[in-house]
């Protein structure tokens, strides 16, 4: 469900809602590495470059992890990996978005 919420807000291009989602959903360790504003800036830059994203194919899914290929509006597909903590409220402990066919560095990770 976190992935669907993230994609819905990302596609709406609403940085205020995206920041609130990131600040409220990411584990504190992830936010210590890159704060919500930095992550929003990276995702906004990604959206400007490749457009909206939609699920193309679920590559793998487990209780606390999902790996999905995303189709982009204007560029190559992207791969997202999202993992949540097993304990409630299940904060996101890993979030990586990489464009397929591009270097692995992503402004959103």
PDB file of N, CA and C in Angstrom:
ATOM      1  N   UNK A   1       0.816  -1.199   0.000  1.00  0.00           N
ATOM      2  CA  UNK A   1       0.000   0.000   0.000  1.00  0.00           C
ATOM      3  C   UNK A   1       0.864   1.269   0.000  1.00  0.00           C
ATOM      4  N   UNK A   2       2.023   1.209   0.641  1.00  0.00           N
ATOM      5  CA  UNK A   2       2.902   2.390   0.664  1.00  0.00           C
ATOM      6  C   UNK A   2       3.353   2.760  -0.743  1.00  0.00           C
ATOM      7  N   UNK A   3       3.613   1.762  -1.570  1.00  0.00           N
ATOM      8  CA  UNK A   3       4.039   2.031  -2.939  1.00  0.00           C
ATOM      9  C   UNK A   3       2.930   2.734  -3.719  1.00  0.00           C
ATOM     10  N   UNK A   4       1.717   2.259  -3.589  1.00  0.00           N
ATOM     11  CA  UNK A   4       0.593   2.874  -4.304  1.00  0.00           C
ATOM     12  C   UNK A   4       0.386   4.311  -3.828  1.00  0.00           C
ATOM     13  N   UNK A   5       0.476   4.534  -2.531  1.00  0.00           N
ATOM     14  CA  UNK A   5       0.338   5.890  -2.001  1.00  0.00           C
ATOM     15  C   UNK A   5       1.443   6.794  -2.542  1.00  0.00           C
ATOM     16  N   UNK A   6       2.678   6.304  -2.533  1.00  0.00           N
ATOM     17  CA  UNK A   6       3.803   7.086  -3.035  1.00  0.00           C
ATOM     18  C   UNK A   6       3.606   7.444  -4.505  1.00  0.00           C
ATOM     19  N   UNK A   7       3.244   6.463  -5.329  1.00  0.00           N
ATOM     20  CA  UNK A   7       3.054   6.732  -6.754  1.00  0.00           C
ATOM     21  C   UNK A   7       1.896   7.689  -7.007  1.00  0.00           C
ATOM     22  N   UNK A   8       0.824   7.552  -6.259  1.00  0.00           N
ATOM     23  CA  UNK A   8      -0.332   8.444  -6.419  1.00  0.00           C
ATOM     24  C   UNK A   8       0.057   9.884  -6.131  1.00  0.00           C
ATOM     25  N   UNK A   9       0.773  10.102  -5.057  1.00  0.00           N
ATOM     26  CA  UNK A   9       1.183  11.463  -4.689  1.00  0.00           C
ATOM     27  C   UNK A   9       2.242  11.981  -5.655  1.00  0.00           C
ATOM     28  N   UNK A  10       3.202  11.141  -6.032  1.00  0.00           N
ATOM     29  CA  UNK A  10       4.227  11.507  -7.012  1.00  0.00           C
ATOM     30  C   UNK A  10       3.572  11.952  -8.317  1.00  0.00           C
ATOM     31  N   UNK A  11       2.622  11.166  -8.812  1.00  0.00           N
ATOM     32  CA  UNK A  11       1.967  11.470 -10.081  1.00  0.00           C
ATOM     33  C   UNK A  11       1.098  12.718 -10.018  1.00  0.00           C
ATOM     34  N   UNK A  12       0.609  13.057  -8.827  1.00  0.00           N
ATOM     35  CA  UNK A  12      -0.206  14.267  -8.669  1.00  0.00           C
ATOM     36  C   UNK A  12       0.649  15.528  -8.707  1.00  0.00           C
ATOM     37  N   UNK A  13       1.965  15.365  -8.598  1.00  0.00           N
ATOM     38  CA  UNK A  13       2.910  16.492  -8.622  1.00  0.00           C
ATOM     39  C   UNK A  13       2.573  17.511  -7.517  1.00  0.00           C
ATOM     40  N   UNK A  14       2.329  16.981  -6.318  1.00  0.00           N
ATOM     41  CA  UNK A  14       1.988  17.814  -5.158  1.00  0.00           C
ATOM     42  C   UNK A  14       3.119  17.692  -4.134  1.00  0.00           C
ATOM     43  N   UNK A  15       4.049  18.640  -4.179  1.00  0.00           N
ATOM     44  CA  UNK A  15       5.231  18.543  -3.322  1.00  0.00           C
ATOM     45  C   UNK A  15       4.898  18.648  -1.836  1.00  0.00           C
ATOM     46  N   UNK A  16       3.846  19.353  -1.480  1.00  0.00           N
ATOM     47  CA  UNK A  16       3.452  19.465  -0.069  1.00  0.00           C
ATOM     48  C   UNK A  16       2.984  18.108   0.457  1.00  0.00           C
ATOM     49  N   UNK A  17       2.129  17.454  -0.288  1.00  0.00           N
ATOM     50  CA  UNK A  17       1.653  16.120   0.117  1.00  0.00           C
ATOM     51  C   UNK A  17       2.783  15.097   0.064  1.00  0.00           C
ATOM     52  N   UNK A  18       3.662  15.217  -0.936  1.00  0.00           N
ATOM     53  CA  UNK A  18       4.784  14.295  -1.048  1.00  0.00           C
ATOM     54  C   UNK A  18       5.717  14.441   0.147  1.00  0.00           C
ATOM     55  N   UNK A  19       5.998  15.666   0.543  1.00  0.00           N
ATOM     56  CA  UNK A  19       6.847  15.892   1.709  1.00  0.00           C
ATOM     57  C   UNK A  19       6.209  15.305   2.966  1.00  0.00           C
ATOM     58  N   UNK A  20       4.910  15.514   3.146  1.00  0.00           N
ATOM     59  CA  UNK A  20       4.205  14.978   4.315  1.00  0.00           C
ATOM     60  C   UNK A  20       4.243  13.452   4.313  1.00  0.00           C
ATOM     61  N   UNK A  21       4.057  12.856   3.145  1.00  0.00           N
ATOM     62  CA  UNK A  21       4.104  11.394   3.054  1.00  0.00           C
ATOM     63  C   UNK A  21       5.493  10.883   3.418  1.00  0.00           C
ATOM     64  N   UNK A  22       6.515  11.484   2.849  1.00  0.00           N
ATOM     65  CA  UNK A  22       7.886  11.046   3.110  1.00  0.00           C
ATOM     66  C   UNK A  22       8.246  11.232   4.578  1.00  0.00           C
ATOM     67  N   UNK A  23       7.936  12.388   5.124  1.00  0.00           N
ATOM     68  CA  UNK A  23       8.261  12.663   6.530  1.00  0.00           C
ATOM     69  C   UNK A  23       7.526  11.714   7.471  1.00  0.00           C
ATOM     70  N   UNK A  24       6.320  11.319   7.103  1.00  0.00           N
ATOM     71  CA  UNK A  24       5.527  10.456   7.968  1.00  0.00           C
ATOM     72  C   UNK A  24       5.693   8.967   7.716  1.00  0.00           C
ATOM     73  N   UNK A  25       6.294   8.605   6.595  1.00  0.00           N
ATOM     74  CA  UNK A  25       6.349   7.192   6.215  1.00  0.00           C
ATOM     75  C   UNK A  25       7.738   6.571   6.239  1.00  0.00           C
ATOM     76  N   UNK A  26       8.775   7.391   6.092  1.00  0.00           N
ATOM     77  CA  UNK A  26      10.125   6.849   6.065  1.00  0.00           C
ATOM     78  C   UNK A  26      10.683   6.681   7.472  1.00  0.00           C
ATOM     79  N   UNK A  27      11.431   5.624   7.651  1.00  0.00           N
ATOM     80  CA  UNK A  27      12.105   5.357   8.918  1.00  0.00           C
ATOM     81  C   UNK A  27      13.079   6.495   9.228  1.00  0.00           C
ATOM     82  N   UNK A  28      13.276   6.782  10.486  1.00  0.00           N
ATOM     83  CA  UNK A  28      14.163   7.873  10.904  1.00  0.00           C
ATOM     84  C   UNK A  28      15.578   7.713  10.359  1.00  0.00           C
ATOM     85  N   UNK A  29      16.057   6.470  10.237  1.00  0.00           N
ATOM     86  CA  UNK A  29      17.404   6.244   9.689  1.00  0.00           C
ATOM     87  C   UNK A  29      17.516   6.720   8.242  1.00  0.00           C
ATOM     88  N   UNK A  30      16.474   6.492   7.449  1.00  0.00           N
ATOM     89  CA  UNK A  30      16.480   6.973   6.063  1.00  0.00           C
ATOM     90  C   UNK A  30      16.443   8.495   6.010  1.00  0.00           C
ATOM     91  N   UNK A  31      15.649   9.094   6.875  1.00  0.00           N
ATOM     92  CA  UNK A  31      15.550  10.552   6.900  1.00  0.00           C
ATOM     93  C   UNK A  31      16.831  11.188   7.417  1.00  0.00           C
ATOM     94  N   UNK A  32      17.576  10.476   8.246  1.00  0.00           N
ATOM     95  CA  UNK A  32      18.864  10.992   8.716  1.00  0.00           C
ATOM     96  C   UNK A  32      19.877  11.013   7.575  1.00  0.00           C
ATOM     97  N   UNK A  33      19.758  10.053   6.671  1.00  0.00           N
ATOM     98  CA  UNK A  33      20.652   9.976   5.507  1.00  0.00           C
ATOM     99  C   UNK A  33      20.329  11.073   4.489  1.00  0.00           C
ATOM    100  N   UNK A  34      19.048  11.292   4.238  1.00  0.00           N
ATOM    101  CA  UNK A  34      18.585  12.347   3.328  1.00  0.00           C
ATOM    102  C   UNK A  34      17.211  12.775   3.821  1.00  0.00           C
ATOM    103  N   UNK A  35      17.103  14.044   4.231  1.00  0.00           N
ATOM    104  CA  UNK A  35      15.844  14.505   4.835  1.00  0.00           C
ATOM    105  C   UNK A  35      14.715  14.587   3.806  1.00  0.00           C
ATOM    106  N   UNK A  36      13.514  14.854   4.295  1.00  0.00           N
ATOM    107  CA  UNK A  36      12.327  14.871   3.444  1.00  0.00           C
ATOM    108  C   UNK A  36      12.452  15.889   2.318  1.00  0.00           C
ATOM    109  N   UNK A  37      12.978  17.069   2.605  1.00  0.00           N
ATOM    110  CA  UNK A  37      13.111  18.093   1.565  1.00  0.00           C
ATOM    111  C   UNK A  37      14.048  17.643   0.449  1.00  0.00           C
ATOM    112  N   UNK A  38      15.143  16.995   0.803  1.00  0.00           N
ATOM    113  CA  UNK A  38      16.086  16.481  -0.188  1.00  0.00           C
ATOM    114  C   UNK A  38      15.436  15.410  -1.042  1.00  0.00           C
ATOM    115  N   UNK A  39      14.679  14.530  -0.415  1.00  0.00           N
ATOM    116  CA  UNK A  39      14.011  13.459  -1.148  1.00  0.00           C
ATOM    117  C   UNK A  39      12.916  14.005  -2.062  1.00  0.00           C
ATOM    118  N   UNK A  40      12.176  14.996  -1.600  1.00  0.00           N
ATOM    119  CA  UNK A  40      11.144  15.620  -2.438  1.00  0.00           C
ATOM    120  C   UNK A  40      11.791  16.294  -3.644  1.00  0.00           C
ATOM    121  N   UNK A  41      12.895  16.977  -3.423  1.00  0.00           N
ATOM    122  CA  UNK A  41      13.598  17.625  -4.529  1.00  0.00           C
ATOM    123  C   UNK A  41      14.047  16.582  -5.564  1.00  0.00           C
ATOM    124  N   UNK A  42      14.554  15.464  -5.103  1.00  0.00           N
ATOM    125  CA  UNK A  42      14.982  14.402  -6.015  1.00  0.00           C
ATOM    126  C   UNK A  42      13.825  13.811  -6.793  1.00  0.00           C
ATOM    127  N   UNK A  43      12.724  13.554  -6.104  1.00  0.00           N
ATOM    128  CA  UNK A  43      11.552  12.998  -6.784  1.00  0.00           C
ATOM    129  C   UNK A  43      10.930  14.012  -7.745  1.00  0.00           C
ATOM    130  N   UNK A  44      10.938  15.269  -7.376  1.00  0.00           N
ATOM    131  CA  UNK A  44      10.404  16.313  -8.264  1.00  0.00           C
ATOM    132  C   UNK A  44      11.257  16.433  -9.521  1.00  0.00           C
ATOM    133  N   UNK A  45      12.570  16.354  -9.357  1.00  0.00           N
ATOM    134  CA  UNK A  45      13.465  16.398 -10.516  1.00  0.00           C
ATOM    135  C   UNK A  45      13.239  15.177 -11.407  1.00  0.00           C
ATOM    136  N   UNK A  46      13.051  14.025 -10.797  1.00  0.00           N
ATOM    137  CA  UNK A  46      12.780  12.813 -11.554  1.00  0.00           C
ATOM    138  C   UNK A  46      11.477  12.949 -12.332  1.00  0.00           C
ATOM    139  N   UNK A  47      10.439  13.492 -11.689  1.00  0.00           N
ATOM    140  CA  UNK A  47       9.143  13.652 -12.353  1.00  0.00           C
ATOM    141  C   UNK A  47       9.253  14.621 -13.524  1.00  0.00           C
ATOM    142  N   UNK A  48      10.007  15.698 -13.337  1.00  0.00           N
ATOM    143  CA  UNK A  48      10.210  16.659 -14.422  1.00  0.00           C
ATOM    144  C   UNK A  48      10.888  15.990 -15.609  1.00  0.00           C
ATOM    145  N   UNK A  49      11.841  15.126 -15.315  1.00  0.00           N
ATOM    146  CA  UNK A  49      12.617  14.474 -16.367  1.00  0.00           C
ATOM    147  C   UNK A  49      11.857  13.347 -17.065  1.00  0.00           C
ATOM    148  N   UNK A  50      11.203  12.470 -16.296  1.00  0.00           N
ATOM    149  CA  UNK A  50      10.604  11.281 -16.919  1.00  0.00           C
ATOM    150  C   UNK A  50       9.079  11.239 -16.862  1.00  0.00           C
ATOM    151  N   UNK A  51       8.463  12.151 -16.137  1.00  0.00           N
ATOM    152  CA  UNK A  51       7.003  12.204 -16.091  1.00  0.00           C
ATOM    153  C   UNK A  51       6.405  11.249 -15.076  1.00  0.00           C
ATOM    154  N   UNK A  52       5.131  11.014 -15.260  1.00  0.00           N
ATOM    155  CA  UNK A  52       4.393  10.140 -14.352  1.00  0.00           C
ATOM    156  C   UNK A  52       4.882   8.704 -14.474  1.00  0.00           C
ATOM    157  N   UNK A  53       4.632   7.931 -13.408  1.00  0.00           N
ATOM    158  CA  UNK A  53       5.021   6.523 -13.364  1.00  0.00           C
ATOM    159  C   UNK A  53       3.790   5.666 -13.100  1.00  0.00           C
ATOM    160  N   UNK A  54       3.789   4.487 -13.707  1.00  0.00           N
ATOM    161  CA  UNK A  54       2.731   3.516 -13.422  1.00  0.00           C
ATOM    162  C   UNK A  54       3.360   2.129 -13.332  1.00  0.00           C
ATOM    163  N   UNK A  55       2.720   1.255 -12.610  1.00  0.00           N
ATOM    164  CA  UNK A  55       3.232  -0.100 -12.439  1.00  0.00           C
ATOM    165  C   UNK A  55       3.147  -0.837 -13.778  1.00  0.00           C
ATOM    166  N   UNK A  56       4.290  -1.350 -14.213  1.00  0.00           N
ATOM    167  CA  UNK A  56       4.326  -2.180 -15.425  1.00  0.00           C
ATOM    168  C   UNK A  56       4.318  -3.658 -15.028  1.00  0.00           C
ATOM    169  N   UNK A  57       5.158  -4.009 -14.031  1.00  0.00           N
ATOM    170  CA  UNK A  57       5.277  -5.420 -13.650  1.00  0.00           C
ATOM    171  C   UNK A  57       5.819  -5.529 -12.230  1.00  0.00           C
ATOM    172  N   UNK A  58       5.215  -6.380 -11.445  1.00  0.00           N
ATOM    173  CA  UNK A  58       5.742  -6.710 -10.128  1.00  0.00           C
ATOM    174  C   UNK A  58       6.787  -7.801 -10.336  1.00  0.00           C
ATOM    175  N   UNK A  59       8.028  -7.486  -9.971  1.00  0.00           N
ATOM    176  CA  UNK A  59       9.130  -8.429 -10.147  1.00  0.00           C
ATOM    177  C   UNK A  59       9.202  -9.381  -8.958  1.00  0.00           C
ATOM    178  N   UNK A  60       8.981  -8.840  -7.782  1.00  0.00           N
ATOM    179  CA  UNK A  60       9.026  -9.660  -6.581  1.00  0.00           C
ATOM    180  C   UNK A  60       8.234  -9.002  -5.474  1.00  0.00           C
ATOM    181  N   UNK A  61       7.615  -9.827  -4.665  1.00  0.00           N
ATOM    182  CA  UNK A  61       6.848  -9.309  -3.535  1.00  0.00           C
ATOM    183  C   UNK A  61       6.960 -10.280  -2.371  1.00  0.00           C
ATOM    184  N   UNK A  62       7.163  -9.724  -1.210  1.00  0.00           N
ATOM    185  CA  UNK A  62       7.193 -10.484   0.031  1.00  0.00           C
ATOM    186  C   UNK A  62       6.404  -9.682   1.055  1.00  0.00           C
ATOM    187  N   UNK A  63       6.318 -10.202   2.236  1.00  0.00           N
ATOM    188  CA  UNK A  63       5.510  -9.549   3.262  1.00  0.00           C
ATOM    189  C   UNK A  63       5.937  -8.104   3.508  1.00  0.00           C
ATOM    190  N   UNK A  64       7.242  -7.849   3.541  1.00  0.00           N
ATOM    191  CA  UNK A  64       7.726  -6.505   3.850  1.00  0.00           C
ATOM    192  C   UNK A  64       8.506  -5.855   2.707  1.00  0.00           C
ATOM    193  N   UNK A  65       8.454  -6.413   1.506  1.00  0.00           N
ATOM    194  CA  UNK A  65       9.254  -5.868   0.420  1.00  0.00           C
ATOM    195  C   UNK A  65       8.536  -6.044  -0.912  1.00  0.00           C
ATOM    196  N   UNK A  66       8.757  -5.068  -1.803  1.00  0.00           N
ATOM    197  CA  UNK A  66       8.239  -5.179  -3.153  1.00  0.00           C
ATOM    198  C   UNK A  66       9.268  -4.587  -4.117  1.00  0.00           C
ATOM    199  N   UNK A  67       9.421  -5.250  -5.259  1.00  0.00           N
ATOM    200  CA  UNK A  67      10.283  -4.756  -6.331  1.00  0.00           C
ATOM    201  C   UNK A  67       9.408  -4.691  -7.578  1.00  0.00           C
ATOM    202  N   UNK A  68       9.351  -3.514  -8.183  1.00  0.00           N
ATOM    203  CA  UNK A  68       8.405  -3.278  -9.270  1.00  0.00           C
ATOM    204  C   UNK A  68       9.087  -2.530 -10.410  1.00  0.00           C
ATOM    205  N   UNK A  69       8.777  -2.930 -11.637  1.00  0.00           N
ATOM    206  CA  UNK A  69       9.185  -2.160 -12.804  1.00  0.00           C
ATOM    207  C   UNK A  69       8.077  -1.154 -13.077  1.00  0.00           C
ATOM    208  N   UNK A  70       8.481   0.103 -13.217  1.00  0.00           N
ATOM    209  CA  UNK A  70       7.536   1.190 -13.467  1.00  0.00           C
ATOM    210  C   UNK A  70       7.715   1.706 -14.881  1.00  0.00           C
ATOM    211  N   UNK A  71       6.611   1.921 -15.573  1.00  0.00           N
ATOM    212  CA  UNK A  71       6.643   2.548 -16.889  1.00  0.00           C
ATOM    213  C   UNK A  71       6.589   4.048 -16.689  1.00  0.00           C
ATOM    214  N   UNK A  72       7.470   4.759 -17.385  1.00  0.00           N
ATOM    215  CA  UNK A  72       7.467   6.218 -17.261  1.00  0.00           C
ATOM    216  C   UNK A  72       6.779   6.836 -18.469  1.00  0.00           C
ATOM    217  N   UNK A  73       6.340   8.039 -18.260  1.00  0.00           N
ATOM    218  CA  UNK A  73       5.594   8.761 -19.279  1.00  0.00           C
ATOM    219  C   UNK A  73       6.472   9.181 -20.464  1.00  0.00           C
ATOM    220  N   UNK A  74       7.736   9.550 -20.179  1.00  0.00           N
ATOM    221  CA  UNK A  74       8.569  10.138 -21.226  1.00  0.00           C
ATOM    222  C   UNK A  74       9.955   9.523 -21.381  1.00  0.00           C
ATOM    223  N   UNK A  75      10.261   8.451 -20.694  1.00  0.00           N
ATOM    224  CA  UNK A  75      11.630   7.927 -20.751  1.00  0.00           C
ATOM    225  C   UNK A  75      11.624   6.418 -20.527  1.00  0.00           C
ATOM    226  N   UNK A  76      12.823   5.895 -20.271  1.00  0.00           N
ATOM    227  CA  UNK A  76      12.967   4.475 -19.988  1.00  0.00           C
ATOM    228  C   UNK A  76      12.184   4.096 -18.731  1.00  0.00           C
ATOM    229  N   UNK A  77      11.941   2.811 -18.604  1.00  0.00           N
ATOM    230  CA  UNK A  77      11.302   2.306 -17.391  1.00  0.00           C
ATOM    231  C   UNK A  77      12.200   2.558 -16.180  1.00  0.00           C
ATOM    232  N   UNK A  78      11.620   2.419 -15.013  1.00  0.00           N
ATOM    233  CA  UNK A  78      12.355   2.562 -13.759  1.00  0.00           C
ATOM    234  C   UNK A  78      12.078   1.338 -12.897  1.00  0.00           C
ATOM    235  N   UNK A  79      12.980   1.082 -11.978  1.00  0.00           N
ATOM    236  CA  UNK A  79      12.830  -0.014 -11.028  1.00  0.00           C
ATOM    237  C   UNK A  79      12.754   0.598  -9.642  1.00  0.00           C
ATOM    238  N   UNK A  80      11.748   0.207  -8.884  1.00  0.00           N
ATOM    239  CA  UNK A  80      11.628   0.690  -7.507  1.00  0.00           C
ATOM    240  C   UNK A  80      11.674  -0.507  -6.568  1.00  0.00           C
ATOM    241  N   UNK A  81      12.428  -0.337  -5.500  1.00  0.00           N
ATOM    242  CA  UNK A  81      12.462  -1.335  -4.442  1.00  0.00           C
ATOM    243  C   UNK A  81      12.056  -0.635  -3.162  1.00  0.00           C
ATOM    244  N   UNK A  82      11.055  -1.183  -2.504  1.00  0.00           N
ATOM    245  CA  UNK A  82      10.535  -0.593  -1.273  1.00  0.00           C
ATOM    246  C   UNK A  82      10.429  -1.691  -0.233  1.00  0.00           C
ATOM    247  N   UNK A  83      10.981  -1.416   0.940  1.00  0.00           N
ATOM    248  CA  UNK A  83      10.931  -2.370   2.056  1.00  0.00           C
ATOM    249  C   UNK A  83      10.408  -1.626   3.279  1.00  0.00           C
ATOM    250  N   UNK A  84       9.574  -2.291   4.053  1.00  0.00           N
ATOM    251  CA  UNK A  84       9.049  -1.699   5.279  1.00  0.00           C
ATOM    252  C   UNK A  84       9.467  -2.522   6.483  1.00  0.00           C
ATOM    253  N   UNK A  85       9.459  -1.879   7.640  1.00  0.00           N
ATOM    254  CA  UNK A  85       9.751  -2.558   8.897  1.00  0.00           C
ATOM    255  C   UNK A  85       8.602  -3.516   9.221  1.00  0.00           C
ATOM    256  N   UNK A  86       8.924  -4.640   9.811  1.00  0.00           N
ATOM    257  CA  UNK A  86       7.911  -5.640  10.148  1.00  0.00           C
ATOM    258  C   UNK A  86       6.962  -5.153  11.230  1.00  0.00           C
ATOM    259  N   UNK A  87       7.425  -4.234  12.065  1.00  0.00           N
ATOM    260  CA  UNK A  87       6.613  -3.768  13.188  1.00  0.00           C
ATOM    261  C   UNK A  87       5.775  -2.550  12.814  1.00  0.00           C
ATOM    262  N   UNK A  88       4.555  -2.526  13.341  1.00  0.00           N
ATOM    263  CA  UNK A  88       3.647  -1.396  13.141  1.00  0.00           C
ATOM    264  C   UNK A  88       4.308  -0.130  13.668  1.00  0.00           C
ATOM    265  N   UNK A  89       4.242   0.980  12.994  1.00  0.00           N
ATOM    266  CA  UNK A  89       3.402   1.324  11.840  1.00  0.00           C
ATOM    267  C   UNK A  89       4.050   1.065  10.489  1.00  0.00           C
ATOM    268  N   UNK A  90       4.978   0.145  10.422  1.00  0.00           N
ATOM    269  CA  UNK A  90       5.618  -0.287   9.181  1.00  0.00           C
ATOM    270  C   UNK A  90       6.264   0.852   8.393  1.00  0.00           C
ATOM    271  N   UNK A  91       7.193   1.588   9.034  1.00  0.00           N
ATOM    272  CA  UNK A  91       7.863   2.656   8.285  1.00  0.00           C
ATOM    273  C   UNK A  91       8.708   2.073   7.152  1.00  0.00           C
ATOM    274  N   UNK A  92       8.883   2.853   6.115  1.00  0.00           N
ATOM    275  CA  UNK A  92       9.701   2.436   4.980  1.00  0.00           C
ATOM    276  C   UNK A  92      11.159   2.453   5.420  1.00  0.00           C
ATOM    277  N   UNK A  93      11.831   1.308   5.277  1.00  0.00           N
ATOM    278  CA  UNK A  93      13.227   1.197   5.690  1.00  0.00           C
ATOM    279  C   UNK A  93      14.183   1.204   4.501  1.00  0.00           C
ATOM    280  N   UNK A  94      13.652   1.003   3.314  1.00  0.00           N
ATOM    281  CA  UNK A  94      14.477   1.046   2.107  1.00  0.00           C
ATOM    282  C   UNK A  94      13.614   1.560   0.961  1.00  0.00           C
ATOM    283  N   UNK A  95      14.148   2.523   0.231  1.00  0.00           N
ATOM    284  CA  UNK A  95      13.443   3.068  -0.921  1.00  0.00           C
ATOM    285  C   UNK A  95      14.480   3.414  -1.974  1.00  0.00           C
ATOM    286  N   UNK A  96      14.437   2.715  -3.067  1.00  0.00           N
ATOM    287  CA  UNK A  96      15.361   2.976  -4.159  1.00  0.00           C
ATOM    288  C   UNK A  96      14.617   3.042  -5.474  1.00  0.00           C
ATOM    289  N   UNK A  97      14.879   4.070  -6.244  1.00  0.00           N
ATOM    290  CA  UNK A  97      14.289   4.213  -7.575  1.00  0.00           C
ATOM    291  C   UNK A  97      15.438   4.426  -8.543  1.00  0.00           C
ATOM    292  N   UNK A  98      15.539   3.558  -9.524  1.00  0.00           N
ATOM    293  CA  UNK A  98      16.594   3.662 -10.528  1.00  0.00           C
ATOM    294  C   UNK A  98      15.994   3.515 -11.910  1.00  0.00           C
ATOM    295  N   UNK A  99      16.425   4.384 -12.798  1.00  0.00           N
ATOM    296  CA  UNK A  99      16.004   4.271 -14.188  1.00  0.00           C
ATOM    297  C   UNK A  99      16.728   3.098 -14.819  1.00  0.00           C
ATOM    298  N   UNK A 100      16.005   2.274 -15.528  1.00  0.00           N
ATOM    299  CA  UNK A 100      16.612   1.154 -16.221  1.00  0.00           C
ATOM    300  C   UNK A 100      17.333   1.690 -17.454  1.00  0.00           C
ATOM    301  N   UNK A 101      18.523   1.175 -17.689  1.00  0.00           N
ATOM    302  CA  UNK A 101      19.314   1.656 -18.800  1.00  0.00           C
ATOM    303  C   UNK A 101      20.103   2.915 -18.482  1.00  0.00           C
ATOM    304  N   UNK A 102      20.092   3.321 -17.217  1.00  0.00           N
ATOM    305  CA  UNK A 102      20.804   4.525 -16.777  1.00  0.00           C
ATOM    306  C   UNK A 102      21.745   4.138 -15.636  1.00  0.00           C
ATOM    307  N   UNK A 103      22.688   5.023 -15.271  1.00  0.00           N
ATOM    308  CA  UNK A 103      23.514   4.760 -14.090  1.00  0.00           C
ATOM    309  C   UNK A 103      22.634   4.549 -12.868  1.00  0.00           C
ATOM    310  N   UNK A 104      23.138   3.821 -11.870  1.00  0.00           N
ATOM    311  CA  UNK A 104      22.335   3.469 -10.717  1.00  0.00           C
ATOM    312  C   UNK A 104      22.103   4.589  -9.725  1.00  0.00           C
ATOM    313  N   UNK A 105      22.828   5.699  -9.835  1.00  0.00           N
ATOM    314  CA  UNK A 105      22.593   6.812  -8.912  1.00  0.00           C
ATOM    315  C   UNK A 105      21.259   7.469  -9.247  1.00  0.00           C
ATOM    316  N   UNK A 106      20.459   7.704  -8.222  1.00  0.00           N
ATOM    317  CA  UNK A 106      19.154   8.325  -8.410  1.00  0.00           C
ATOM    318  C   UNK A 106      18.990   9.435  -7.402  1.00  0.00           C
ATOM    319  N   UNK A 107      18.443  10.584  -7.801  1.00  0.00           N
ATOM    320  CA  UNK A 107      18.241  11.659  -6.840  1.00  0.00           C
ATOM    321  C   UNK A 107      17.175  11.322  -5.812  1.00  0.00           C
ATOM    322  N   UNK A 108      16.394  10.284  -6.050  1.00  0.00           N
ATOM    323  CA  UNK A 108      15.318   9.937  -5.137  1.00  0.00           C
ATOM    324  C   UNK A 108      15.722   8.954  -4.057  1.00  0.00           C
ATOM    325  N   UNK A 109      16.883   8.334  -4.194  1.00  0.00           N
ATOM    326  CA  UNK A 109      17.269   7.315  -3.216  1.00  0.00           C
ATOM    327  C   UNK A 109      18.073   7.901  -2.095  1.00  0.00           C
TER     328      UNK A 109
END
